[in-house]
Protein backbone atom coordinates (compact mmCIF):
# COMPACT_ATOMS: atom_id res chain seq x y z
CA MET A 1 -62.07 22.48 65.58
CA ARG A 2 -63.74 25.62 64.25
CA ASP A 3 -61.52 27.91 62.23
CA ASN A 4 -62.68 31.34 63.43
CA GLY A 5 -59.41 32.77 64.68
CA ASP A 6 -55.64 32.38 64.74
CA LEU A 7 -54.48 29.21 66.47
CA LYS A 8 -51.26 29.62 68.46
CA THR A 9 -49.23 27.69 71.04
CA ARG A 10 -47.42 28.67 74.22
CA LYS A 11 -45.33 26.83 76.76
CA VAL A 12 -47.13 26.45 80.08
CA THR A 13 -46.38 24.56 83.27
CA VAL A 14 -49.25 23.19 85.31
CA GLU A 15 -49.57 20.75 88.18
CA VAL A 16 -51.52 17.52 87.85
CA LYS A 17 -51.94 15.48 91.05
CA GLY A 18 -48.77 16.97 92.47
CA VAL A 19 -46.73 16.46 89.30
CA LYS A 20 -45.53 19.49 87.31
CA ILE A 21 -46.06 19.16 83.57
CA THR A 22 -44.72 21.53 80.91
CA PHE A 23 -46.45 21.33 77.53
CA ASP A 24 -47.47 23.29 74.44
CA GLU A 25 -50.91 24.72 75.12
CA TYR A 26 -53.12 25.72 72.18
CA TYR A 27 -55.07 28.98 72.28
CA LYS A 28 -56.96 31.24 69.86
CA ILE A 29 -56.72 34.90 69.12
CA ASP A 30 -59.59 36.83 67.60
CA PRO A 31 -58.05 38.44 64.46
CA LYS A 32 -60.30 41.50 64.80
CA THR A 33 -59.71 42.35 68.47
CA GLY A 34 -56.36 40.65 69.04
CA GLU A 35 -57.76 39.16 72.24
CA GLU A 36 -57.72 35.53 73.32
CA VAL A 37 -61.04 33.76 72.84
CA PHE A 38 -62.39 30.68 74.57
CA ASP A 39 -62.88 27.57 72.44
CA ARG A 40 -64.22 24.44 74.13
CA ASN A 41 -62.73 22.09 71.51
CA ILE A 42 -59.27 23.54 72.08
CA GLU A 43 -59.67 23.12 75.84
CA ILE A 44 -60.59 19.46 75.39
CA ILE A 45 -57.48 18.89 73.24
CA ASN A 46 -55.28 20.71 75.77
CA ASP A 47 -56.66 18.62 78.64
CA SER A 48 -56.19 15.42 76.69
CA ASN A 49 -52.56 16.29 75.82
CA LEU A 50 -51.82 17.38 79.39
CA TYR A 51 -53.23 14.23 80.99
CA ASP A 52 -51.49 12.06 78.43
CA LEU A 53 -48.14 13.63 79.35
CA TYR A 54 -48.96 13.05 83.01
CA LYS A 55 -49.74 9.38 82.30
CA LYS A 56 -46.44 8.98 80.50
CA LYS A 57 -44.51 10.68 83.30
CA VAL A 58 -45.98 8.52 86.09
CA GLY A 59 -45.86 5.27 84.10
CA LEU A 60 -49.53 4.84 83.19
CA LEU A 61 -50.71 3.69 79.77
CA THR A 62 -51.20 6.61 77.38
CA ILE A 63 -54.22 7.13 75.13
CA SER A 64 -52.48 5.63 72.09
CA GLU A 65 -51.23 2.63 74.10
CA ILE A 66 -54.73 1.87 75.40
CA LYS A 67 -56.14 2.12 71.87
CA ARG A 68 -53.38 -0.14 70.53
CA ILE A 69 -54.14 -2.88 73.06
CA ARG A 70 -57.89 -2.65 72.44
CA LYS A 71 -57.53 -2.72 68.65
CA LYS A 72 -55.22 -5.71 68.93
CA TYR A 73 -58.37 -7.71 69.76
CA ASN A 74 -60.53 -5.91 67.19
CA MET A 75 -62.83 -4.68 70.00
CA ASN A 76 -64.73 -1.45 70.33
CA GLN A 77 -64.56 0.48 73.59
CA LYS A 78 -67.67 -1.12 75.07
CA GLU A 79 -66.49 -4.65 74.18
CA TYR A 80 -63.04 -4.06 75.63
CA ALA A 81 -64.56 -2.74 78.88
CA MET A 82 -66.81 -5.80 79.03
CA ALA A 83 -63.88 -8.16 78.52
CA LEU A 84 -61.90 -6.47 81.31
CA GLY A 85 -64.85 -6.30 83.68
CA VAL A 86 -64.82 -2.51 84.04
CA GLY A 87 -67.59 0.07 83.58
CA GLU A 88 -69.13 0.39 80.13
CA VAL A 89 -67.95 3.99 79.53
CA THR A 90 -64.61 3.56 81.33
CA ILE A 91 -62.47 2.88 78.25
CA ASN A 92 -64.14 5.73 76.37
CA ARG A 93 -63.14 8.10 79.16
CA PHE A 94 -59.56 6.85 79.26
CA GLU A 95 -59.17 7.18 75.50
CA ASN A 96 -60.40 10.75 75.76
CA GLY A 97 -57.84 11.72 78.37
CA ALA A 98 -59.26 10.70 81.76
CA ILE A 99 -56.60 9.36 84.12
CA GLN A 100 -57.02 5.72 85.08
CA THR A 101 -56.25 4.27 88.50
CA GLU A 102 -53.16 2.13 88.92
CA ALA A 103 -55.38 -0.92 89.48
CA THR A 104 -57.24 -0.45 86.19
CA ASP A 105 -53.99 0.36 84.42
CA ALA A 106 -52.57 -2.95 85.67
CA ILE A 107 -55.56 -4.84 84.25
CA MET A 108 -55.17 -3.19 80.86
CA ARG A 109 -51.45 -4.00 80.84
CA LEU A 110 -52.23 -7.62 81.64
CA SER A 111 -54.71 -7.73 78.79
CA GLU A 112 -51.96 -7.00 76.26
CA ASN A 113 -50.86 -10.63 76.58
CA PRO A 114 -53.41 -12.90 74.82
CA ASN A 115 -53.06 -15.57 77.51
CA ASN A 116 -53.99 -13.04 80.19
CA MET A 117 -56.81 -11.68 78.04
CA TYR A 118 -58.19 -15.20 77.66
CA ALA A 119 -58.30 -15.52 81.47
CA LEU A 120 -59.89 -12.08 81.90
CA ILE A 121 -62.64 -12.88 79.41
CA ASN A 122 -63.43 -16.14 81.20
CA ASN A 123 -63.40 -14.41 84.60
CA ASN A 124 -66.01 -11.96 83.29
CA LYS A 125 -67.98 -14.49 81.24
CA LYS A 126 -71.19 -14.02 83.27
CA ASN A 127 -71.36 -10.38 82.13
CA ILE A 128 -70.72 -11.13 78.45
CA PRO A 129 -73.50 -12.32 76.11
CA ASP A 130 -72.82 -15.86 74.83
CA GLU A 131 -72.52 -14.86 71.17
CA LEU A 132 -70.05 -12.08 72.00
CA TYR A 133 -68.14 -14.34 74.38
CA ASN A 134 -67.61 -16.88 71.57
CA ILE A 135 -66.37 -14.13 69.26
CA PHE A 136 -63.95 -12.87 71.93
CA ILE A 137 -62.56 -16.34 72.63
CA LYS A 138 -62.07 -17.05 68.93
CA ARG A 139 -60.17 -13.79 68.42
CA VAL A 140 -57.97 -14.27 71.48
CA SER A 141 -57.29 -17.95 70.76
CA GLU A 142 -56.00 -17.02 67.31
CA LEU A 143 -53.63 -14.46 68.82
CA MET A 144 -52.50 -17.01 71.43
CA TYR A 145 -51.64 -19.38 68.58
CA TYR A 146 -49.59 -16.76 66.74
CA GLU A 147 -47.87 -15.73 69.98
CA THR A 148 -46.49 -19.26 70.46
CA HIS A 149 -44.93 -19.07 66.99
CA LYS A 150 -43.28 -15.68 67.53
CA ILE A 151 -39.76 -17.05 67.91
CA ALA A 152 -37.63 -14.26 66.46
CA ASN A 153 -36.90 -11.04 68.28
CA ILE A 154 -37.34 -8.42 65.56
CA ASP A 155 -36.71 -4.70 65.75
CA ASP A 156 -38.03 -3.43 62.42
CA LYS A 157 -36.15 -0.14 62.84
CA ILE A 158 -32.77 -1.76 62.23
CA PHE A 159 -33.83 -2.76 58.71
CA TYR A 160 -34.90 0.71 57.51
CA ASN A 161 -31.56 1.78 56.01
CA MET A 162 -30.27 -1.65 55.00
CA ASP A 163 -29.99 -2.62 51.37
CA PHE A 164 -31.97 -5.68 50.35
CA LYS A 165 -32.19 -7.68 47.18
CA THR A 166 -33.31 -11.20 46.37
CA GLU A 167 -30.27 -13.49 46.17
CA ASP A 168 -29.38 -16.90 44.74
CA VAL A 169 -30.44 -19.59 47.20
CA ASN A 170 -26.97 -21.16 47.11
CA ASP A 171 -25.38 -17.89 48.18
CA VAL A 172 -27.90 -17.52 51.03
CA SER A 173 -27.28 -21.15 52.05
CA ASN A 174 -23.51 -20.72 52.07
CA ILE A 175 -23.66 -17.60 54.25
CA LEU A 176 -26.11 -19.36 56.57
CA ILE A 177 -23.83 -22.41 56.89
CA LYS A 178 -20.76 -20.25 57.42
CA LYS A 179 -22.37 -18.10 60.13
CA TYR A 180 -24.04 -21.04 61.88
CA ASN A 181 -20.85 -23.12 61.94
CA LYS A 182 -18.75 -20.14 63.04
CA GLN A 183 -21.05 -19.60 66.01
CA TYR A 184 -20.53 -23.17 67.17
CA GLU A 185 -16.80 -23.05 66.48
CA LEU A 186 -16.63 -20.19 68.97
CA ILE A 187 -18.68 -22.18 71.49
CA ASN A 188 -16.44 -25.24 71.03
CA GLU A 189 -13.34 -23.07 71.41
CA LYS A 190 -14.68 -21.46 74.58
CA TYR A 191 -15.38 -24.81 76.22
CA ASN A 192 -12.40 -26.60 74.66
CA ILE A 193 -14.55 -29.09 72.75
CA GLU A 194 -13.08 -30.65 69.60
CA THR A 195 -16.10 -31.77 67.59
CA ASP A 196 -18.12 -30.73 64.56
CA ASP A 197 -21.29 -32.44 65.80
CA GLU A 198 -22.87 -29.07 66.40
CA PHE A 199 -22.37 -27.91 62.82
CA ILE A 200 -25.50 -27.39 60.78
CA THR A 201 -27.13 -30.48 59.27
CA PRO A 202 -28.96 -30.66 55.91
CA LEU A 203 -32.29 -30.98 57.73
CA LYS A 204 -31.71 -27.94 59.92
CA LEU A 205 -30.44 -25.99 56.92
CA GLN A 206 -33.79 -26.52 55.19
CA MET A 207 -35.79 -25.39 58.22
CA LEU A 208 -33.72 -22.24 58.71
CA LEU A 209 -33.93 -21.37 55.00
CA TYR A 210 -37.71 -21.48 55.31
CA TYR A 211 -37.67 -19.05 58.24
CA ILE A 212 -35.24 -16.75 56.43
CA GLN A 213 -37.71 -16.67 53.54
CA GLY A 214 -40.62 -15.99 55.88
CA LEU A 215 -38.94 -13.09 57.68
CA SER A 216 -37.71 -11.59 54.39
CA LEU A 217 -41.24 -11.62 53.00
CA HIS A 218 -42.57 -10.08 56.22
CA ILE A 219 -39.94 -7.37 56.70
CA TYR A 220 -39.19 -6.38 53.10
CA GLY A 221 -42.17 -7.78 51.22
CA LYS A 222 -39.67 -9.58 48.98
CA PRO A 223 -38.25 -13.13 49.03
CA ALA A 224 -34.71 -13.87 50.13
CA PHE A 225 -34.53 -16.24 47.14
CA GLU A 226 -36.87 -17.12 44.26
CA ASN A 227 -36.56 -20.91 44.48
CA LYS A 228 -39.71 -22.83 45.30
CA ILE A 229 -40.24 -24.18 48.80
CA ILE A 230 -41.97 -27.57 48.67
CA ALA A 231 -44.11 -29.14 51.41
CA TRP A 232 -42.35 -32.43 52.02
CA ASN A 233 -43.49 -34.80 54.76
CA TYR A 234 -40.91 -33.58 57.24
CA GLY A 235 -41.34 -29.88 56.47
CA PRO A 236 -40.57 -27.12 53.94
CA VAL A 237 -37.75 -27.96 51.54
CA VAL A 238 -35.86 -26.16 48.78
CA GLU A 239 -35.22 -29.06 46.45
CA GLU A 240 -32.22 -27.43 44.73
CA VAL A 241 -30.47 -27.15 48.10
CA TYR A 242 -31.49 -30.70 49.07
CA LYS A 243 -29.74 -32.04 45.97
CA LYS A 244 -26.56 -30.36 47.17
CA TYR A 245 -26.86 -31.09 50.89
CA ASN A 246 -28.66 -34.21 52.09
CA GLY A 247 -28.12 -37.04 54.52
CA LYS A 248 -27.54 -36.84 58.28
CA ASN A 249 -23.94 -35.64 58.45
CA SER A 250 -23.07 -32.08 59.44
CA ILE A 251 -22.21 -29.70 56.62
CA VAL A 252 -18.62 -28.51 56.31
CA THR A 253 -18.18 -24.73 56.14
CA PRO A 254 -17.82 -23.56 52.51
CA LYS A 255 -14.35 -22.26 51.66
CA GLN A 256 -15.74 -19.40 49.62
CA THR A 257 -18.92 -17.39 49.97
CA LYS A 258 -20.40 -14.67 47.81
CA LYS A 259 -21.30 -11.35 49.40
CA ILE A 260 -25.06 -10.83 49.84
CA SER A 261 -27.15 -7.80 50.80
CA LYS A 262 -26.98 -6.51 54.38
CA GLY A 263 -30.73 -6.95 54.83
CA ILE A 264 -30.64 -10.70 54.22
CA GLU A 265 -27.44 -11.07 56.22
CA CYS A 266 -29.13 -9.44 59.22
CA ILE A 267 -32.15 -11.75 58.83
CA ILE A 268 -29.80 -14.75 58.73
CA ASP A 269 -28.25 -13.59 62.03
CA ILE A 270 -31.68 -13.30 63.64
CA VAL A 271 -32.77 -16.73 62.38
CA ILE A 272 -29.57 -18.38 63.65
CA ASN A 273 -29.83 -16.73 67.06
CA ASP A 274 -33.56 -17.30 67.61
CA TYR A 275 -34.65 -20.28 65.49
CA GLY A 276 -31.20 -21.88 65.40
CA LYS A 277 -31.22 -22.69 69.12
CA TYR A 278 -33.94 -25.30 68.48
CA SER A 279 -33.17 -28.81 67.23
CA ALA A 280 -34.06 -29.79 63.68
CA ASN A 281 -36.86 -32.03 64.98
CA SER A 282 -38.30 -29.17 67.06
CA LEU A 283 -38.27 -26.94 63.99
CA ILE A 284 -40.01 -29.64 61.95
CA ASN A 285 -42.75 -29.82 64.58
CA LEU A 286 -43.00 -26.03 64.51
CA THR A 287 -43.47 -25.92 60.72
CA HIS A 288 -46.03 -28.73 60.96
CA ASP A 289 -48.13 -26.52 63.25
CA GLU A 290 -47.97 -23.53 60.87
CA THR A 291 -50.59 -22.90 58.20
CA PRO A 292 -48.25 -22.56 55.15
CA TRP A 293 -47.13 -26.21 55.49
CA LYS A 294 -50.41 -27.55 56.96
CA GLU A 295 -52.59 -26.08 54.23
CA THR A 296 -50.36 -27.04 51.30
CA LYS A 297 -50.77 -30.44 49.65
CA LYS A 298 -47.73 -32.62 50.16
CA ASN A 299 -45.02 -32.30 47.52
CA GLN A 300 -46.61 -29.10 46.24
CA GLU A 301 -45.14 -25.60 46.38
CA ILE A 302 -45.79 -23.53 49.50
CA MET A 303 -46.72 -20.27 47.81
CA GLN A 304 -44.86 -17.09 48.75
CA ASP A 305 -48.15 -15.25 49.32
CA GLU A 306 -49.16 -17.85 51.91
CA ILE A 307 -45.80 -17.64 53.66
CA LYS A 308 -45.96 -13.82 53.76
CA ARG A 309 -49.54 -13.79 55.00
CA TYR A 310 -48.67 -16.13 57.84
CA PHE A 311 -45.49 -14.34 58.96
CA ASP A 312 -47.27 -10.97 58.77
CA LYS A 313 -49.82 -12.30 61.26
CA VAL A 314 -47.19 -13.77 63.57
CA TYR A 315 -44.99 -10.68 63.64
CA PHE A 316 -47.67 -8.02 63.25
CA VAL A 317 -46.92 -4.95 65.39
CA TYR A 318 -50.09 -3.53 66.95
């Protein structure tokens, strides 16, 4: 935007396709004459902002949302249009403010899911050069893989004001056991079941500790505990905890637990609610399909950098 006058804003209300929109319109005043002057760049920005507000009001994807979906697949505008089977310049127009039809909007919304994008690419394969098609499929297949491993429901905003510090693994384990067992005590009480069979087992404890570590490294960039995680045959294991809790019997709730930071406590809650609903064997199979365990030699340490890199990819927000 050329700087040859004073840029100001004013509230205006205009009608777009029968919908009234109120927004801050930019305009320029010539400092010498005090009169408003026309500036094409400002008009383009005003139109883009206006149409974006219209899109938001009527439930169409906004400019930033379209860009986010496209960049999720590392595609330029032409490639994204090709994958969707729409006109070559269509996405360029939408990202510059043009209003899309509901039908095209629906296609773009579908494409946000990697499984749908995979189908769209194959439906439009005849219009995509072979080399580019292979690149598209490779990108989307990778995202499909990560999507199947996105087990936890994470809202990063809740962690912003929480204190976090790396804790002793025994303290993290004790809080995990206490919370997990308490959850099932409540379930047993509700359904009048007198059993401790649903209490956490040593095997499940190990799996959940691994996922606590992974989410801590992803969310805070710091480990929940410093202890090494080793790639044993049946999954990731913290050997210090295994020495304390092993065998097949359920673990009794510790009588005393040490207070830990709110950040880790919240992560423990998420892991129990989302990963904890799976059996220990299901969690073993899950870890066996994840790169940190797969790419580490057996009985060697699964490095924190590898764990963080993997969880960042799984829970990356586009």
